[in-house]
Protein backbone atom coordinates (compact mmCIF):
# COMPACT_ATOMS: atom_id res chain seq x y z
CA UNK A 1 -67.20 39.53 -8.99
CA UNK A 2 -66.74 36.38 -11.03
CA UNK A 3 -69.39 33.59 -11.28
CA UNK A 4 -68.50 30.29 -12.29
CA UNK A 5 -70.51 28.27 -14.03
CA UNK A 6 -70.43 24.34 -12.47
CA UNK A 7 -72.30 21.34 -14.43
CA UNK A 8 -71.76 17.74 -14.22
CA UNK A 9 -69.95 15.66 -17.14
CA UNK A 10 -69.41 12.03 -17.78
CA UNK A 11 -66.52 11.38 -18.83
CA UNK A 12 -66.94 9.83 -22.73
CA UNK A 13 -63.35 9.48 -23.40
CA UNK A 14 -63.85 5.54 -21.90
CA UNK A 15 -66.49 2.76 -23.07
CA UNK A 16 -69.28 1.96 -21.25
CA UNK A 17 -68.66 -1.50 -19.40
CA UNK A 18 -70.51 -4.31 -17.80
CA UNK A 19 -68.26 -5.24 -15.05
CA UNK A 20 -70.44 -8.23 -14.44
CA UNK A 21 -71.42 -10.34 -14.85
CA UNK A 22 -68.36 -11.12 -16.81
CA UNK A 23 -68.35 -12.76 -20.21
CA UNK A 24 -69.03 -16.87 -19.78
CA UNK A 25 -70.73 -16.38 -16.50
CA UNK A 26 -73.43 -19.35 -15.56
CA UNK A 27 -76.77 -18.27 -13.83
CA UNK A 28 -79.89 -20.58 -13.69
CA UNK A 29 -83.15 -18.38 -14.67
CA UNK A 30 -85.10 -17.81 -12.14
CA UNK A 31 -82.53 -16.55 -9.42
CA UNK A 32 -81.18 -13.39 -8.65
CA UNK A 33 -77.93 -11.89 -10.64
CA UNK A 34 -76.18 -8.90 -10.03
CA UNK A 35 -75.04 -6.39 -12.98
CA UNK A 36 -72.43 -3.68 -11.95
CA UNK A 37 -70.88 -1.29 -14.55
CA UNK A 38 -68.56 1.80 -14.82
CA UNK A 39 -68.72 4.66 -17.55
CA UNK A 40 -71.88 4.82 -18.01
CA UNK A 41 -71.99 8.20 -19.42
CA UNK A 42 -75.93 8.67 -18.48
CA UNK A 43 -77.60 8.98 -14.92
CA UNK A 44 -79.87 6.49 -15.77
CA UNK A 45 -80.42 3.30 -17.82
CA UNK A 46 -83.72 3.22 -19.10
CA UNK A 47 -83.98 -0.56 -19.84
CA UNK A 48 -81.83 -3.34 -18.91
CA UNK A 49 -82.63 -6.30 -21.20
CA UNK A 50 -81.41 -9.53 -22.15
CA UNK A 51 -81.81 -11.24 -25.86
CA UNK A 52 -80.91 -15.01 -26.88
CA UNK A 53 -78.45 -14.60 -30.01
CA UNK A 54 -79.07 -18.28 -30.59
CA UNK A 55 -82.82 -18.77 -30.36
CA UNK A 56 -85.73 -18.83 -32.49
CA UNK A 57 -87.05 -15.78 -30.63
CA UNK A 58 -84.54 -13.34 -30.30
CA UNK A 59 -86.94 -10.41 -28.56
CA UNK A 60 -85.46 -8.88 -25.64
CA UNK A 61 -86.53 -9.54 -22.15
CA UNK A 62 -86.63 -6.80 -20.30
CA UNK A 63 -85.18 -7.28 -16.66
CA UNK A 64 -84.97 -3.92 -15.50
CA UNK A 65 -86.19 -0.12 -16.11
CA UNK A 66 -85.68 3.38 -14.98
CA UNK A 67 -82.22 1.96 -13.53
CA UNK A 68 -80.22 5.01 -11.60
CA UNK A 69 -76.28 4.47 -13.25
CA UNK A 70 -74.76 6.63 -9.87
CA UNK A 71 -74.68 3.19 -7.59
CA UNK A 72 -72.94 1.10 -10.53
CA UNK A 73 -74.54 -1.96 -10.46
CA UNK A 74 -78.25 -3.75 -9.15
CA UNK A 75 -79.45 -6.55 -8.42
CA UNK A 76 -82.42 -8.39 -10.33
CA UNK A 77 -84.67 -11.31 -10.61
CA UNK A 78 -84.00 -13.15 -14.07
CA UNK A 79 -86.96 -14.59 -14.87
CA UNK A 80 -87.80 -18.31 -14.94
CA UNK A 81 -89.04 -19.22 -17.95
CA UNK A 82 -85.53 -18.35 -19.78
CA UNK A 83 -84.67 -21.27 -22.81
CA UNK A 84 -81.33 -22.88 -21.58
CA UNK A 85 -78.86 -21.25 -23.80
CA UNK A 86 -74.75 -20.31 -23.74
CA UNK A 87 -75.70 -17.08 -25.96
CA UNK A 88 -77.55 -14.41 -23.97
CA UNK A 89 -75.85 -11.28 -24.03
CA UNK A 90 -77.34 -8.19 -21.89
CA UNK A 91 -77.86 -4.22 -23.19
CA UNK A 92 -77.57 -1.77 -20.26
CA UNK A 93 -79.60 2.19 -21.89
CA UNK A 94 -80.10 2.63 -24.95
CA UNK A 95 -77.41 3.88 -27.79
CA UNK A 96 -75.36 6.19 -27.63
CA UNK A 97 -75.36 5.66 -23.73
CA UNK A 98 -75.11 2.02 -23.44
CA UNK A 99 -73.72 -0.88 -22.27
CA UNK A 100 -73.31 -4.84 -23.61
CA UNK A 101 -72.20 -7.65 -21.97
CA UNK A 102 -70.48 -10.35 -23.12
CA UNK A 103 -72.00 -14.27 -23.54
CA UNK A 104 -73.83 -15.39 -20.34
CA UNK A 105 -74.84 -18.98 -20.12
CA UNK A 106 -78.40 -19.63 -18.46
CA UNK A 107 -79.40 -22.96 -16.96
CA UNK A 108 -83.02 -23.74 -16.95
CA UNK A 109 -85.08 -23.02 -13.54
CA UNK A 110 -85.79 -26.22 -12.10
CA UNK A 111 -88.96 -24.65 -11.12
CA UNK A 112 -90.09 -22.44 -14.16
CA UNK A 113 -91.46 -23.50 -17.69
CA UNK A 114 -90.08 -22.18 -21.01
CA UNK A 115 -91.56 -19.48 -22.49
CA UNK A 116 -92.95 -19.93 -25.73
CA UNK A 117 -91.06 -17.87 -28.84
CA UNK A 118 -93.26 -14.69 -28.54
CA UNK A 119 -94.70 -15.36 -25.37
CA UNK A 120 -94.80 -13.28 -22.09
CA UNK A 121 -94.16 -13.45 -18.93
CA UNK A 122 -93.22 -12.31 -15.43
CA UNK A 123 -89.94 -12.92 -13.51
CA UNK A 124 -91.00 -15.36 -10.48
CA UNK A 125 -87.55 -15.46 -9.58
CA UNK A 126 -86.70 -16.80 -5.67
CA UNK A 127 -83.92 -15.71 -3.33
CA UNK A 128 -82.13 -17.21 -1.46
CA UNK A 129 -82.74 -20.90 -2.76
CA UNK A 130 -84.17 -23.36 0.28
CA UNK A 131 -81.94 -25.09 2.19
CA UNK A 132 -81.81 -28.72 1.16
CA UNK A 133 -83.02 -30.97 4.27
CA UNK A 134 -80.63 -33.53 4.12
CA UNK A 135 -77.13 -33.75 3.58
CA UNK A 136 -77.56 -36.32 0.53
CA UNK A 137 -77.83 -35.31 -2.74
CA UNK A 138 -81.18 -35.16 -5.08
CA UNK A 139 -81.58 -35.45 -8.20
CA UNK A 140 -84.23 -32.67 -8.05
CA UNK A 141 -81.92 -30.13 -7.21
CA UNK A 142 -79.80 -30.53 -10.05
CA UNK A 143 -80.61 -28.65 -13.52
CA UNK A 144 -81.53 -31.02 -16.50
CA UNK A 145 -79.37 -29.41 -18.69
CA UNK A 146 -76.11 -30.64 -15.98
CA UNK A 147 -77.77 -33.95 -15.82
CA UNK A 148 -77.61 -34.26 -19.66
CA UNK A 149 -73.96 -33.57 -19.36
CA UNK A 150 -72.79 -35.70 -16.56
CA UNK A 151 -75.05 -38.40 -18.65
CA UNK A 152 -73.16 -37.80 -21.84
CA UNK A 153 -69.21 -37.50 -20.39
CA UNK A 154 -70.34 -41.01 -18.14
CA UNK A 155 -71.29 -42.36 -22.07
CA UNK A 156 -67.49 -41.24 -23.38
CA UNK A 157 -65.68 -42.99 -20.74
CA UNK A 158 -67.50 -45.97 -21.25
CA UNK A 159 -66.80 -45.94 -25.56
């Protein structure tokens, strides 16, 4: 009789890849975001966190913990206090078995308050977004950063 030993192995020939969100994805603080990956090389990510690389506070913001990697994705609530920036990135897990995303652009939450540097906070995200009560467009529903961009474009068109 021959005994065969079988053990699960992860394919470490391929890099761990964040497949969602892709680089330059735009999301709004306080909303849900799907995070997906392939080739995790481990059965669990101890943490998934965001870092704002262009801000004064580069403290990682933990958005998920103890994430089983077998599903290849998770749905998270983004904290509503994130400062608007086009230079966030995510790290899933810890070295040597970790994935790093490309840049993610985060718009300010219309209901949140930006966290001061070094301050704490918790996710108060909401989903799904409430349906508008009328067919008209309300300026309250448009993020401030979008309004500023539109005003800038309007001023440039007059120049």
